[in-house]
C-alpha atoms as a PDB file:
ATOM      1  CA  MET A   1      12.307  26.130  18.844  1.00  0.00           C
ATOM      2  CA  ALA A   2      10.489  24.432  16.162  1.00  0.00           C
ATOM      3  CA  ASP A   3      11.242  25.301  12.098  1.00  0.00           C
ATOM      4  CA  LYS A   4       8.068  26.411   9.939  1.00  0.00           C
ATOM      5  CA  GLY A   5       8.387  23.190   8.167  1.00  0.00           C
ATOM      6  CA  ASP A   6       7.470  21.156  11.771  1.00  0.00           C
ATOM      7  CA  LEU A   7       4.908  23.580  12.785  1.00  0.00           C
ATOM      8  CA  GLY A   8       3.219  23.301   9.209  1.00  0.00           C
ATOM      9  CA  TRP A   9       3.103  19.630   9.629  1.00  0.00           C
ATOM     10  CA  ARG A  10       2.050  19.862  13.687  1.00  0.00           C
ATOM     11  CA  LEU A  11      -0.869  21.377  12.591  1.00  0.00           C
ATOM     12  CA  MET A  12      -2.039  19.563   9.608  1.00  0.00           C
ATOM     13  CA  ALA A  13      -1.520  16.284  11.080  1.00  0.00           C
ATOM     14  CA  GLY A  14      -3.443  17.870  14.021  1.00  0.00           C
ATOM     15  CA  ALA A  15      -5.974  18.123  12.084  1.00  0.00           C
ATOM     16  CA  ALA A  16      -5.928  15.001  10.612  1.00  0.00           C
ATOM     17  CA  ALA A  17      -6.464  13.480  13.806  1.00  0.00           C
ATOM     18  CA  PHE A  18      -9.525  15.274  15.136  1.00  0.00           C
ATOM     19  CA  ALA A  19     -11.831  14.846  11.821  1.00  0.00           C
ATOM     20  CA  GLY A  20     -10.367  10.959  11.792  1.00  0.00           C
ATOM     21  CA  GLY A  21     -11.268  10.203  15.103  1.00  0.00           C
ATOM     22  CA  TRP A  22     -14.733  12.666  14.940  1.00  0.00           C
ATOM     23  CA  ALA A  23     -15.875  10.861  12.214  1.00  0.00           C
ATOM     24  CA  ALA A  24     -14.922   7.682  13.504  1.00  0.00           C
ATOM     25  CA  LYS A  25     -17.219   8.214  16.166  1.00  0.00           C
ATOM     26  CA  LYS A  26     -20.033   9.018  13.827  1.00  0.00           C
ATOM     27  CA  ALA A  27     -19.050   5.915  12.522  1.00  0.00           C
ATOM     28  CA  ILE A  28     -18.895   3.367  15.205  1.00  0.00           C
ATOM     29  CA  THR A  29     -21.854   5.370  16.828  1.00  0.00           C
ATOM     30  CA  ILE A  30     -24.064   4.187  13.424  1.00  0.00           C
ATOM     31  CA  VAL A  31     -22.605   0.627  13.891  1.00  0.00           C
ATOM     32  CA  TRP A  32     -23.539   0.413  17.528  1.00  0.00           C
ATOM     33  CA  LYS A  33     -26.613   1.342  17.212  1.00  0.00           C
ATOM     34  CA  LYS A  34     -27.241  -1.033  13.954  1.00  0.00           C
ATOM     35  CA  ALA A  35     -25.529  -3.564  16.570  1.00  0.00           C
ATOM     36  CA  THR A  36     -27.224  -3.265  19.306  1.00  0.00           C
ATOM     37  CA  GLY A  37     -30.734  -1.605  18.595  1.00  0.00           C
ATOM     38  CA  LYS A  38     -29.912   0.802  20.975  1.00  0.00           C
ATOM     39  CA  GLU A  39     -27.944   4.425  21.659  1.00  0.00           C
ATOM     40  CA  PRO A  40     -24.702   4.074  22.934  1.00  0.00           C
ATOM     41  CA  PRO A  41     -23.832   4.680  26.526  1.00  0.00           C
ATOM     42  CA  ILE A  42     -23.228   8.339  27.268  1.00  0.00           C
ATOM     43  CA  ALA A  43     -21.418   7.649  30.455  1.00  0.00           C
ATOM     44  CA  PRO A  44     -19.966   3.887  30.270  1.00  0.00           C
ATOM     45  CA  GLU A  45     -18.341   4.277  33.719  1.00  0.00           C
ATOM     46  CA  SER A  46     -21.727   4.233  35.599  1.00  0.00           C
ATOM     47  CA  PRO A  47     -22.237   1.491  37.443  1.00  0.00           C
ATOM     48  CA  GLU A  48     -26.289   1.990  35.928  1.00  0.00           C
ATOM     49  CA  VAL A  49     -24.555   0.800  32.256  1.00  0.00           C
ATOM     50  CA  ALA A  50     -23.632  -2.763  31.980  1.00  0.00           C
ATOM     51  CA  LEU A  51     -20.537  -3.995  32.345  1.00  0.00           C
ATOM     52  CA  VAL A  52     -19.830  -5.617  29.456  1.00  0.00           C
ATOM     53  CA  GLU A  53     -22.264  -2.783  27.672  1.00  0.00           C
ATOM     54  CA  ALA A  54     -19.892  -0.884  28.789  1.00  0.00           C
ATOM     55  CA  LEU A  55     -16.708  -2.488  28.072  1.00  0.00           C
ATOM     56  CA  GLY A  56     -17.354  -3.342  24.526  1.00  0.00           C
ATOM     57  CA  TRP A  57     -18.560   0.359  23.585  1.00  0.00           C
ATOM     58  CA  ALA A  58     -14.878   1.393  25.444  1.00  0.00           C
ATOM     59  CA  VAL A  59     -13.308  -0.849  23.109  1.00  0.00           C
ATOM     60  CA  ALA A  60     -15.149  -0.163  20.166  1.00  0.00           C
ATOM     61  CA  ILE A  61     -14.630   3.515  20.718  1.00  0.00           C
ATOM     62  CA  GLY A  62     -11.131   2.797  21.643  1.00  0.00           C
ATOM     63  CA  VAL A  63      -9.351   1.044  18.868  1.00  0.00           C
ATOM     64  CA  GLY A  64     -11.865   2.799  15.857  1.00  0.00           C
ATOM     65  CA  SER A  65     -10.658   6.215  16.827  1.00  0.00           C
ATOM     66  CA  GLU A  66      -6.927   5.537  16.974  1.00  0.00           C
ATOM     67  CA  VAL A  67      -7.128   3.477  13.723  1.00  0.00           C
ATOM     68  CA  ALA A  68      -8.749   6.469  12.073  1.00  0.00           C
ATOM     69  CA  LYS A  69      -6.240   8.823  13.628  1.00  0.00           C
ATOM     70  CA  LEU A  70      -3.291   6.585  12.634  1.00  0.00           C
ATOM     71  CA  LEU A  71      -4.879   6.468   9.473  1.00  0.00           C
ATOM     72  CA  ALA A  72      -5.695  10.176   8.373  1.00  0.00           C
ATOM     73  CA  THR A  73      -2.267  10.929  10.050  1.00  0.00           C
ATOM     74  CA  ARG A  74      -0.566   8.569   7.279  1.00  0.00           C
ATOM     75  CA  ALA A  75      -2.557   9.702   5.093  1.00  0.00           C
ATOM     76  CA  MET A  76      -1.229  12.758   5.537  1.00  0.00           C
ATOM     77  CA  ALA A  77       2.123  12.517   6.007  1.00  0.00           C
ATOM     78  CA  LYS A  78       1.661  10.891   2.790  1.00  0.00           C
ATOM     79  CA  ARG A  79       0.374  14.324   0.823  1.00  0.00           C
ATOM     80  CA  TRP A  80       2.943  15.531   3.118  1.00  0.00           C
ATOM     81  CA  GLU A  81       5.961  13.930   1.487  1.00  0.00           C
ATOM     82  CA  LYS A  82       4.761  14.349  -2.010  1.00  0.00           C
ATOM     83  CA  GLY A  83       4.623  17.919  -1.996  1.00  0.00           C
ATOM     84  CA  THR A  84       7.346  18.687  -0.157  1.00  0.00           C
ATOM     85  CA  GLY A  85       9.888  15.850  -1.496  1.00  0.00           C
ATOM     86  CA  GLU A  86      10.243  14.278   1.822  1.00  0.00           C
ATOM     87  CA  LEU A  87       8.370  12.941   4.893  1.00  0.00           C
ATOM     88  CA  PRO A  88       7.950  15.451   8.159  1.00  0.00           C
ATOM     89  CA  ALA A  89      10.850  15.470   9.975  1.00  0.00           C
ATOM     90  CA  PRO A  90       9.780  13.818  12.904  1.00  0.00           C
ATOM     91  CA  LEU A  91       8.530  10.338  11.246  1.00  0.00           C
ATOM     92  CA  ARG A  92      11.427  10.526   9.688  1.00  0.00           C
ATOM     93  CA  ALA A  93      13.622  10.335  12.870  1.00  0.00           C
ATOM     94  CA  GLN A  94      12.041   6.731  13.579  1.00  0.00           C
ATOM     95  CA  ALA A  95      12.345   5.506   9.383  1.00  0.00           C
END
């Protein structure tokens, strides 16, 4: 079973990743609207959406969300390290 520090890290990292992903989707949607002049596709898997548009949206939202999650989690890891004096256990194993 995970100790309290591990559970605390998982909760904080999960919240940071969620917030980062949510913020990224909002920002990517705004950029998409400005770049294309229209709303992003609601169902890009639909054959009614042009393939280029569907692929563009999938790449933008996929890459943008994952980068935001990564950056948010790394920032949270730095805060964790500053507060506890060490990186969270899951990150120390990879260092």
